[in-house]
Amino acid sequence: MWGMDDDRSAWIGGLVVDGRRQRQGIGHAIVRQLRERLIAEPGTPNVALSYAADNTAARHLYRTLGFHETGETEGTELVARWRPARG
């Protein structure tokens, strides 16, 4: 699930991988491909997502994909954003 915010940020709103399929690189591949697809939209400054602070698996996954926590929250969840490297 994904969408666009008022400031044109792309949001990944939900991702679920079956428990029997976790730790096989599926989530990593999905987020990486979706991140690239979303940032390709003209005028999109970043890709954002949120997760529970105690969800260490999600925090690790998103950090390995270059998402950085911003200090923002979405309800009770931490927000992290990815911005492409500008050459």
PDB file of N, CA and C in Angstrom:
ATOM      1  N   MET A   1       0.848  -1.162   0.000  1.00  0.00           N
ATOM      2  CA  MET A   1       0.000   0.000   0.000  1.00  0.00           C
ATOM      3  C   MET A   1       0.902   1.235   0.000  1.00  0.00           C
ATOM      4  N   TRP A   2       0.564   2.220  -0.838  1.00  0.00           N
ATOM      5  CA  TRP A   2       1.369   3.435  -0.911  1.00  0.00           C
ATOM      6  C   TRP A   2       0.488   4.598  -1.341  1.00  0.00           C
ATOM      7  N   GLY A   3       1.011   5.813  -1.157  1.00  0.00           N
ATOM      8  CA  GLY A   3       0.272   6.998  -1.552  1.00  0.00           C
ATOM      9  C   GLY A   3       1.182   8.213  -1.591  1.00  0.00           C
ATOM     10  N   MET A   4       0.608   9.350  -1.996  1.00  0.00           N
ATOM     11  CA  MET A   4       1.358  10.601  -2.080  1.00  0.00           C
ATOM     12  C   MET A   4       0.804  11.576  -1.048  1.00  0.00           C
ATOM     13  N   ASP A   5       1.698  12.281  -0.368  1.00  0.00           N
ATOM     14  CA  ASP A   5       1.317  13.273   0.628  1.00  0.00           C
ATOM     15  C   ASP A   5       1.145  14.634  -0.047  1.00  0.00           C
ATOM     16  N   ASP A   6       0.605  15.599   0.690  1.00  0.00           N
ATOM     17  CA  ASP A   6       0.385  16.936   0.131  1.00  0.00           C
ATOM     18  C   ASP A   6       1.674  17.597  -0.355  1.00  0.00           C
ATOM     19  N   ASP A   7       2.808  17.296   0.283  1.00  0.00           N
ATOM     20  CA  ASP A   7       4.084  17.891  -0.133  1.00  0.00           C
ATOM     21  C   ASP A   7       4.774  17.076  -1.229  1.00  0.00           C
ATOM     22  N   ARG A   8       4.057  16.111  -1.816  1.00  0.00           N
ATOM     23  CA  ARG A   8       4.530  15.222  -2.884  1.00  0.00           C
ATOM     24  C   ARG A   8       5.431  14.105  -2.381  1.00  0.00           C
ATOM     25  N   SER A   9       5.654  14.016  -1.060  1.00  0.00           N
ATOM     26  CA  SER A   9       6.386  12.862  -0.530  1.00  0.00           C
ATOM     27  C   SER A   9       5.584  11.607  -0.825  1.00  0.00           C
ATOM     28  N   ALA A  10       6.270  10.562  -1.197  1.00  0.00           N
ATOM     29  CA  ALA A  10       5.616   9.271  -1.400  1.00  0.00           C
ATOM     30  C   ALA A  10       5.672   8.508  -0.075  1.00  0.00           C
ATOM     31  N   TRP A  11       4.584   7.879   0.274  1.00  0.00           N
ATOM     32  CA  TRP A  11       4.509   7.111   1.524  1.00  0.00           C
ATOM     33  C   TRP A  11       4.258   5.644   1.230  1.00  0.00           C
ATOM     34  N   ILE A  12       5.061   4.804   1.837  1.00  0.00           N
ATOM     35  CA  ILE A  12       4.794   3.372   1.846  1.00  0.00           C
ATOM     36  C   ILE A  12       3.972   3.144   3.104  1.00  0.00           C
ATOM     37  N   GLY A  13       2.709   2.791   2.918  1.00  0.00           N
ATOM     38  CA  GLY A  13       1.785   2.741   4.037  1.00  0.00           C
ATOM     39  C   GLY A  13       1.614   1.382   4.666  1.00  0.00           C
ATOM     40  N   GLY A  14       2.014   0.347   4.019  1.00  0.00           N
ATOM     41  CA  GLY A  14       1.847  -0.966   4.608  1.00  0.00           C
ATOM     42  C   GLY A  14       2.545  -2.033   3.794  1.00  0.00           C
ATOM     43  N   LEU A  15       3.158  -2.951   4.490  1.00  0.00           N
ATOM     44  CA  LEU A  15       3.837  -4.061   3.841  1.00  0.00           C
ATOM     45  C   LEU A  15       3.775  -5.244   4.797  1.00  0.00           C
ATOM     46  N   VAL A  16       3.275  -6.351   4.307  1.00  0.00           N
ATOM     47  CA  VAL A  16       3.189  -7.558   5.119  1.00  0.00           C
ATOM     48  C   VAL A  16       3.787  -8.709   4.316  1.00  0.00           C
ATOM     49  N   VAL A  17       4.707  -9.412   4.941  1.00  0.00           N
ATOM     50  CA  VAL A  17       5.280 -10.607   4.343  1.00  0.00           C
ATOM     51  C   VAL A  17       4.896 -11.779   5.245  1.00  0.00           C
ATOM     52  N   ASP A  18       4.337 -12.808   4.653  1.00  0.00           N
ATOM     53  CA  ASP A  18       3.937 -14.001   5.394  1.00  0.00           C
ATOM     54  C   ASP A  18       5.086 -14.463   6.294  1.00  0.00           C
ATOM     55  N   GLY A  19       4.757 -14.812   7.515  1.00  0.00           N
ATOM     56  CA  GLY A  19       5.769 -15.238   8.482  1.00  0.00           C
ATOM     57  C   GLY A  19       6.648 -16.370   7.982  1.00  0.00           C
ATOM     58  N   ARG A  20       6.097 -17.255   7.174  1.00  0.00           N
ATOM     59  CA  ARG A  20       6.890 -18.377   6.638  1.00  0.00           C
ATOM     60  C   ARG A  20       7.876 -17.934   5.571  1.00  0.00           C
ATOM     61  N   ARG A  21       7.703 -16.715   5.057  1.00  0.00           N
ATOM     62  CA  ARG A  21       8.559 -16.198   3.986  1.00  0.00           C
ATOM     63  C   ARG A  21       9.500 -15.096   4.459  1.00  0.00           C
ATOM     64  N   GLN A  22       9.414 -14.739   5.728  1.00  0.00           N
ATOM     65  CA  GLN A  22      10.281 -13.678   6.241  1.00  0.00           C
ATOM     66  C   GLN A  22      11.730 -14.152   6.316  1.00  0.00           C
ATOM     67  N   ARG A  23      12.627 -13.179   6.289  1.00  0.00           N
ATOM     68  CA  ARG A  23      14.079 -13.416   6.328  1.00  0.00           C
ATOM     69  C   ARG A  23      14.593 -14.110   5.070  1.00  0.00           C
ATOM     70  N   GLN A  24      13.896 -13.908   3.956  1.00  0.00           N
ATOM     71  CA  GLN A  24      14.324 -14.464   2.676  1.00  0.00           C
ATOM     72  C   GLN A  24      14.641 -13.367   1.666  1.00  0.00           C
ATOM     73  N   GLY A  25      14.614 -12.103   2.112  1.00  0.00           N
ATOM     74  CA  GLY A  25      14.932 -10.993   1.225  1.00  0.00           C
ATOM     75  C   GLY A  25      13.738 -10.442   0.468  1.00  0.00           C
ATOM     76  N   ILE A  26      12.550 -10.983   0.720  1.00  0.00           N
ATOM     77  CA  ILE A  26      11.363 -10.543  -0.010  1.00  0.00           C
ATOM     78  C   ILE A  26      11.004  -9.107   0.347  1.00  0.00           C
ATOM     79  N   GLY A  27      10.931  -8.802   1.644  1.00  0.00           N
ATOM     80  CA  GLY A  27      10.611  -7.437   2.070  1.00  0.00           C
ATOM     81  C   GLY A  27      11.624  -6.438   1.547  1.00  0.00           C
ATOM     82  N   HIS A  28      12.893  -6.783   1.620  1.00  0.00           N
ATOM     83  CA  HIS A  28      13.971  -5.921   1.128  1.00  0.00           C
ATOM     84  C   HIS A  28      13.766  -5.617  -0.350  1.00  0.00           C
ATOM     85  N   ALA A  29      13.499  -6.650  -1.135  1.00  0.00           N
ATOM     86  CA  ALA A  29      13.319  -6.464  -2.582  1.00  0.00           C
ATOM     87  C   ALA A  29      12.083  -5.626  -2.888  1.00  0.00           C
ATOM     88  N   ILE A  30      11.001  -5.881  -2.174  1.00  0.00           N
ATOM     89  CA  ILE A  30       9.773  -5.127  -2.411  1.00  0.00           C
ATOM     90  C   ILE A  30       9.978  -3.658  -2.103  1.00  0.00           C
ATOM     91  N   VAL A  31      10.543  -3.354  -0.938  1.00  0.00           N
ATOM     92  CA  VAL A  31      10.728  -1.950  -0.542  1.00  0.00           C
ATOM     93  C   VAL A  31      11.693  -1.258  -1.491  1.00  0.00           C
ATOM     94  N   ARG A  32      12.767  -1.923  -1.873  1.00  0.00           N
ATOM     95  CA  ARG A  32      13.745  -1.320  -2.790  1.00  0.00           C
ATOM     96  C   ARG A  32      13.091  -0.990  -4.132  1.00  0.00           C
ATOM     97  N   GLN A  33      12.345  -1.928  -4.687  1.00  0.00           N
ATOM     98  CA  GLN A  33      11.711  -1.690  -5.977  1.00  0.00           C
ATOM     99  C   GLN A  33      10.612  -0.637  -5.889  1.00  0.00           C
ATOM    100  N   LEU A  34       9.819  -0.673  -4.825  1.00  0.00           N
ATOM    101  CA  LEU A  34       8.769   0.330  -4.665  1.00  0.00           C
ATOM    102  C   LEU A  34       9.365   1.712  -4.445  1.00  0.00           C
ATOM    103  N   ARG A  35      10.425   1.789  -3.656  1.00  0.00           N
ATOM    104  CA  ARG A  35      11.115   3.069  -3.426  1.00  0.00           C
ATOM    105  C   ARG A  35      11.577   3.666  -4.754  1.00  0.00           C
ATOM    106  N   GLU A  36      12.171   2.869  -5.595  1.00  0.00           N
ATOM    107  CA  GLU A  36      12.653   3.351  -6.894  1.00  0.00           C
ATOM    108  C   GLU A  36      11.497   3.767  -7.800  1.00  0.00           C
ATOM    109  N   ARG A  37      10.416   3.027  -7.756  1.00  0.00           N
ATOM    110  CA  ARG A  37       9.233   3.358  -8.560  1.00  0.00           C
ATOM    111  C   ARG A  37       8.628   4.679  -8.104  1.00  0.00           C
ATOM    112  N   LEU A  38       8.510   4.860  -6.786  1.00  0.00           N
ATOM    113  CA  LEU A  38       7.886   6.067  -6.253  1.00  0.00           C
ATOM    114  C   LEU A  38       8.743   7.310  -6.479  1.00  0.00           C
ATOM    115  N   ILE A  39      10.039   7.210  -6.306  1.00  0.00           N
ATOM    116  CA  ILE A  39      10.904   8.389  -6.440  1.00  0.00           C
ATOM    117  C   ILE A  39      10.996   8.821  -7.905  1.00  0.00           C
ATOM    118  N   ALA A  40      10.651   7.932  -8.828  1.00  0.00           N
ATOM    119  CA  ALA A  40      10.693   8.270 -10.252  1.00  0.00           C
ATOM    120  C   ALA A  40       9.551   9.197 -10.651  1.00  0.00           C
ATOM    121  N   GLU A  41       8.537   9.342  -9.806  1.00  0.00           N
ATOM    122  CA  GLU A  41       7.439  10.265 -10.095  1.00  0.00           C
ATOM    123  C   GLU A  41       7.967  11.695 -10.062  1.00  0.00           C
ATOM    124  N   PRO A  42       7.719  12.497 -11.079  1.00  0.00           N
ATOM    125  CA  PRO A  42       8.215  13.875 -11.113  1.00  0.00           C
ATOM    126  C   PRO A  42       7.777  14.665  -9.877  1.00  0.00           C
ATOM    127  N   GLY A  43       8.713  15.384  -9.302  1.00  0.00           N
ATOM    128  CA  GLY A  43       8.429  16.246  -8.165  1.00  0.00           C
ATOM    129  C   GLY A  43       8.400  15.554  -6.819  1.00  0.00           C
ATOM    130  N   THR A  44       8.742  14.278  -6.770  1.00  0.00           N
ATOM    131  CA  THR A  44       8.727  13.537  -5.507  1.00  0.00           C
ATOM    132  C   THR A  44      10.052  13.750  -4.782  1.00  0.00           C
ATOM    133  N   PRO A  45      10.042  14.438  -3.617  1.00  0.00           N
ATOM    134  CA  PRO A  45      11.294  14.745  -2.937  1.00  0.00           C
ATOM    135  C   PRO A  45      11.867  13.591  -2.119  1.00  0.00           C
ATOM    136  N   ASN A  46      10.998  12.681  -1.636  1.00  0.00           N
ATOM    137  CA  ASN A  46      11.480  11.594  -0.795  1.00  0.00           C
ATOM    138  C   ASN A  46      10.405  10.522  -0.693  1.00  0.00           C
ATOM    139  N   VAL A  47      10.823   9.402  -0.135  1.00  0.00           N
ATOM    140  CA  VAL A  47       9.907   8.305   0.150  1.00  0.00           C
ATOM    141  C   VAL A  47       9.928   8.111   1.662  1.00  0.00           C
ATOM    142  N   ALA A  48       8.747   8.076   2.264  1.00  0.00           N
ATOM    143  CA  ALA A  48       8.637   7.975   3.717  1.00  0.00           C
ATOM    144  C   ALA A  48       7.859   6.724   4.102  1.00  0.00           C
ATOM    145  N   LEU A  49       8.055   6.317   5.329  1.00  0.00           N
ATOM    146  CA  LEU A  49       7.311   5.213   5.920  1.00  0.00           C
ATOM    147  C   LEU A  49       7.380   5.365   7.423  1.00  0.00           C
ATOM    148  N   SER A  50       6.615   4.574   8.127  1.00  0.00           N
ATOM    149  CA  SER A  50       6.656   4.626   9.585  1.00  0.00           C
ATOM    150  C   SER A  50       6.565   3.219  10.148  1.00  0.00           C
ATOM    151  N   TYR A  51       7.030   3.079  11.389  1.00  0.00           N
ATOM    152  CA  TYR A  51       7.022   1.775  12.054  1.00  0.00           C
ATOM    153  C   TYR A  51       7.072   1.981  13.561  1.00  0.00           C
ATOM    154  N   ALA A  52       6.643   0.968  14.276  1.00  0.00           N
ATOM    155  CA  ALA A  52       6.665   1.010  15.735  1.00  0.00           C
ATOM    156  C   ALA A  52       8.112   1.038  16.223  1.00  0.00           C
ATOM    157  N   ALA A  53       8.372   1.843  17.226  1.00  0.00           N
ATOM    158  CA  ALA A  53       9.738   1.993  17.743  1.00  0.00           C
ATOM    159  C   ALA A  53      10.325   0.669  18.214  1.00  0.00           C
ATOM    160  N   ASP A  54       9.487  -0.236  18.698  1.00  0.00           N
ATOM    161  CA  ASP A  54       9.995  -1.511  19.198  1.00  0.00           C
ATOM    162  C   ASP A  54      10.097  -2.585  18.112  1.00  0.00           C
ATOM    163  N   ASN A  55       9.787  -2.235  16.868  1.00  0.00           N
ATOM    164  CA  ASN A  55       9.882  -3.191  15.769  1.00  0.00           C
ATOM    165  C   ASN A  55      11.309  -3.161  15.222  1.00  0.00           C
ATOM    166  N   THR A  56      12.196  -3.857  15.899  1.00  0.00           N
ATOM    167  CA  THR A  56      13.612  -3.814  15.543  1.00  0.00           C
ATOM    168  C   THR A  56      13.894  -4.416  14.165  1.00  0.00           C
ATOM    169  N   ALA A  57      13.101  -5.396  13.756  1.00  0.00           N
ATOM    170  CA  ALA A  57      13.307  -5.994  12.427  1.00  0.00           C
ATOM    171  C   ALA A  57      13.006  -4.969  11.333  1.00  0.00           C
ATOM    172  N   ALA A  58      11.895  -4.237  11.468  1.00  0.00           N
ATOM    173  CA  ALA A  58      11.553  -3.210  10.482  1.00  0.00           C
ATOM    174  C   ALA A  58      12.595  -2.101  10.489  1.00  0.00           C
ATOM    175  N   ARG A  59      12.979  -1.644  11.683  1.00  0.00           N
ATOM    176  CA  ARG A  59      13.988  -0.582  11.794  1.00  0.00           C
ATOM    177  C   ARG A  59      15.266  -0.999  11.080  1.00  0.00           C
ATOM    178  N   HIS A  60      15.712  -2.207  11.286  1.00  0.00           N
ATOM    179  CA  HIS A  60      16.942  -2.690  10.641  1.00  0.00           C
ATOM    180  C   HIS A  60      16.769  -2.764   9.123  1.00  0.00           C
ATOM    181  N   LEU A  61      15.654  -3.331   8.669  1.00  0.00           N
ATOM    182  CA  LEU A  61      15.400  -3.439   7.232  1.00  0.00           C
ATOM    183  C   LEU A  61      15.447  -2.076   6.568  1.00  0.00           C
ATOM    184  N   TYR A  62      14.725  -1.124   7.114  1.00  0.00           N
ATOM    185  CA  TYR A  62      14.651   0.196   6.483  1.00  0.00           C
ATOM    186  C   TYR A  62      15.989   0.933   6.551  1.00  0.00           C
ATOM    187  N   ARG A  63      16.722   0.761   7.628  1.00  0.00           N
ATOM    188  CA  ARG A  63      18.065   1.379   7.697  1.00  0.00           C
ATOM    189  C   ARG A  63      18.983   0.810   6.628  1.00  0.00           C
ATOM    190  N   THR A  64      18.926  -0.498   6.402  1.00  0.00           N
ATOM    191  CA  THR A  64      19.799  -1.089   5.380  1.00  0.00           C
ATOM    192  C   THR A  64      19.436  -0.589   3.987  1.00  0.00           C
ATOM    193  N   LEU A  65      18.206  -0.106   3.828  1.00  0.00           N
ATOM    194  CA  LEU A  65      17.755   0.436   2.547  1.00  0.00           C
ATOM    195  C   LEU A  65      17.955   1.946   2.452  1.00  0.00           C
ATOM    196  N   GLY A  66      18.585   2.541   3.469  1.00  0.00           N
ATOM    197  CA  GLY A  66      18.917   3.964   3.398  1.00  0.00           C
ATOM    198  C   GLY A  66      17.876   4.909   3.966  1.00  0.00           C
ATOM    199  N   PHE A  67      16.860   4.390   4.637  1.00  0.00           N
ATOM    200  CA  PHE A  67      15.874   5.262   5.290  1.00  0.00           C
ATOM    201  C   PHE A  67      16.455   5.778   6.595  1.00  0.00           C
ATOM    202  N   HIS A  68      16.210   7.051   6.887  1.00  0.00           N
ATOM    203  CA  HIS A  68      16.719   7.689   8.104  1.00  0.00           C
ATOM    204  C   HIS A  68      15.563   8.244   8.919  1.00  0.00           C
ATOM    205  N   GLU A  69      15.580   7.938  10.212  1.00  0.00           N
ATOM    206  CA  GLU A  69      14.554   8.476  11.098  1.00  0.00           C
ATOM    207  C   GLU A  69      14.688   9.994  11.147  1.00  0.00           C
ATOM    208  N   THR A  70      13.538  10.677  11.154  1.00  0.00           N
ATOM    209  CA  THR A  70      13.526  12.132  11.032  1.00  0.00           C
ATOM    210  C   THR A  70      13.187  12.856  12.326  1.00  0.00           C
ATOM    211  N   GLY A  71      12.745  12.123  13.345  1.00  0.00           N
ATOM    212  CA  GLY A  71      12.250  12.751  14.555  1.00  0.00           C
ATOM    213  C   GLY A  71      10.754  12.999  14.493  1.00  0.00           C
ATOM    214  N   GLU A  72      10.168  12.823  13.301  1.00  0.00           N
ATOM    215  CA  GLU A  72       8.722  12.945  13.141  1.00  0.00           C
ATOM    216  C   GLU A  72       8.058  11.665  13.659  1.00  0.00           C
ATOM    217  N   THR A  73       6.786  11.785  13.996  1.00  0.00           N
ATOM    218  CA  THR A  73       5.999  10.615  14.330  1.00  0.00           C
ATOM    219  C   THR A  73       4.706  10.644  13.538  1.00  0.00           C
ATOM    220  N   GLU A  74       4.177   9.489  13.322  1.00  0.00           N
ATOM    221  CA  GLU A  74       2.875   9.315  12.685  1.00  0.00           C
ATOM    222  C   GLU A  74       2.057   8.499  13.683  1.00  0.00           C
ATOM    223  N   GLY A  75       1.254   9.202  14.477  1.00  0.00           N
ATOM    224  CA  GLY A  75       0.591   8.534  15.599  1.00  0.00           C
ATOM    225  C   GLY A  75       1.652   8.125  16.602  1.00  0.00           C
ATOM    226  N   THR A  76       1.748   6.845  16.874  1.00  0.00           N
ATOM    227  CA  THR A  76       2.760   6.348  17.813  1.00  0.00           C
ATOM    228  C   THR A  76       3.989   5.786  17.105  1.00  0.00           C
ATOM    229  N   GLU A  77       4.028   5.889  15.782  1.00  0.00           N
ATOM    230  CA  GLU A  77       5.126   5.302  15.018  1.00  0.00           C
ATOM    231  C   GLU A  77       6.193   6.329  14.650  1.00  0.00           C
ATOM    232  N   LEU A  78       7.417   5.845  14.478  1.00  0.00           N
ATOM    233  CA  LEU A  78       8.540   6.671  14.036  1.00  0.00           C
ATOM    234  C   LEU A  78       8.496   6.806  12.517  1.00  0.00           C
ATOM    235  N   VAL A  79       8.831   7.979  12.018  1.00  0.00           N
ATOM    236  CA  VAL A  79       8.879   8.211  10.571  1.00  0.00           C
ATOM    237  C   VAL A  79      10.333   8.167  10.114  1.00  0.00           C
ATOM    238  N   ALA A  80      10.552   7.496   8.995  1.00  0.00           N
ATOM    239  CA  ALA A  80      11.872   7.471   8.354  1.00  0.00           C
ATOM    240  C   ALA A  80      11.669   7.837   6.888  1.00  0.00           C
ATOM    241  N   ARG A  81      12.658   8.552   6.342  1.00  0.00           N
ATOM    242  CA  ARG A  81      12.576   8.978   4.943  1.00  0.00           C
ATOM    243  C   ARG A  81      13.841   8.585   4.192  1.00  0.00           C
ATOM    244  N   TRP A  82      13.658   8.324   2.915  1.00  0.00           N
ATOM    245  CA  TRP A  82      14.756   8.045   1.999  1.00  0.00           C
ATOM    246  C   TRP A  82      14.755   9.114   0.928  1.00  0.00           C
ATOM    247  N   ARG A  83      15.923   9.651   0.680  1.00  0.00           N
ATOM    248  CA  ARG A  83      16.109  10.628  -0.409  1.00  0.00           C
ATOM    249  C   ARG A  83      17.197  10.106  -1.327  1.00  0.00           C
ATOM    250  N   PRO A  84      16.994  10.217  -2.621  1.00  0.00           N
ATOM    251  CA  PRO A  84      18.021   9.741  -3.541  1.00  0.00           C
ATOM    252  C   PRO A  84      19.273  10.596  -3.460  1.00  0.00           C
ATOM    253  N   ALA A  85      20.406   9.983  -3.735  1.00  0.00           N
ATOM    254  CA  ALA A  85      21.655  10.745  -3.797  1.00  0.00           C
ATOM    255  C   ALA A  85      21.594  11.667  -4.998  1.00  0.00           C
ATOM    256  N   ARG A  86      21.928  12.882  -4.787  1.00  0.00           N
ATOM    257  CA  ARG A  86      21.938  13.863  -5.892  1.00  0.00           C
ATOM    258  C   ARG A  86      23.360  14.044  -6.364  1.00  0.00           C
ATOM    259  N   GLY A  87      23.576  13.831  -7.665  1.00  0.00           N
ATOM    260  CA  GLY A  87      24.917  13.860  -8.234  1.00  0.00           C
ATOM    261  C   GLY A  87      25.420  15.172  -8.570  1.00  0.00           C
TER     262      GLY A  87
END
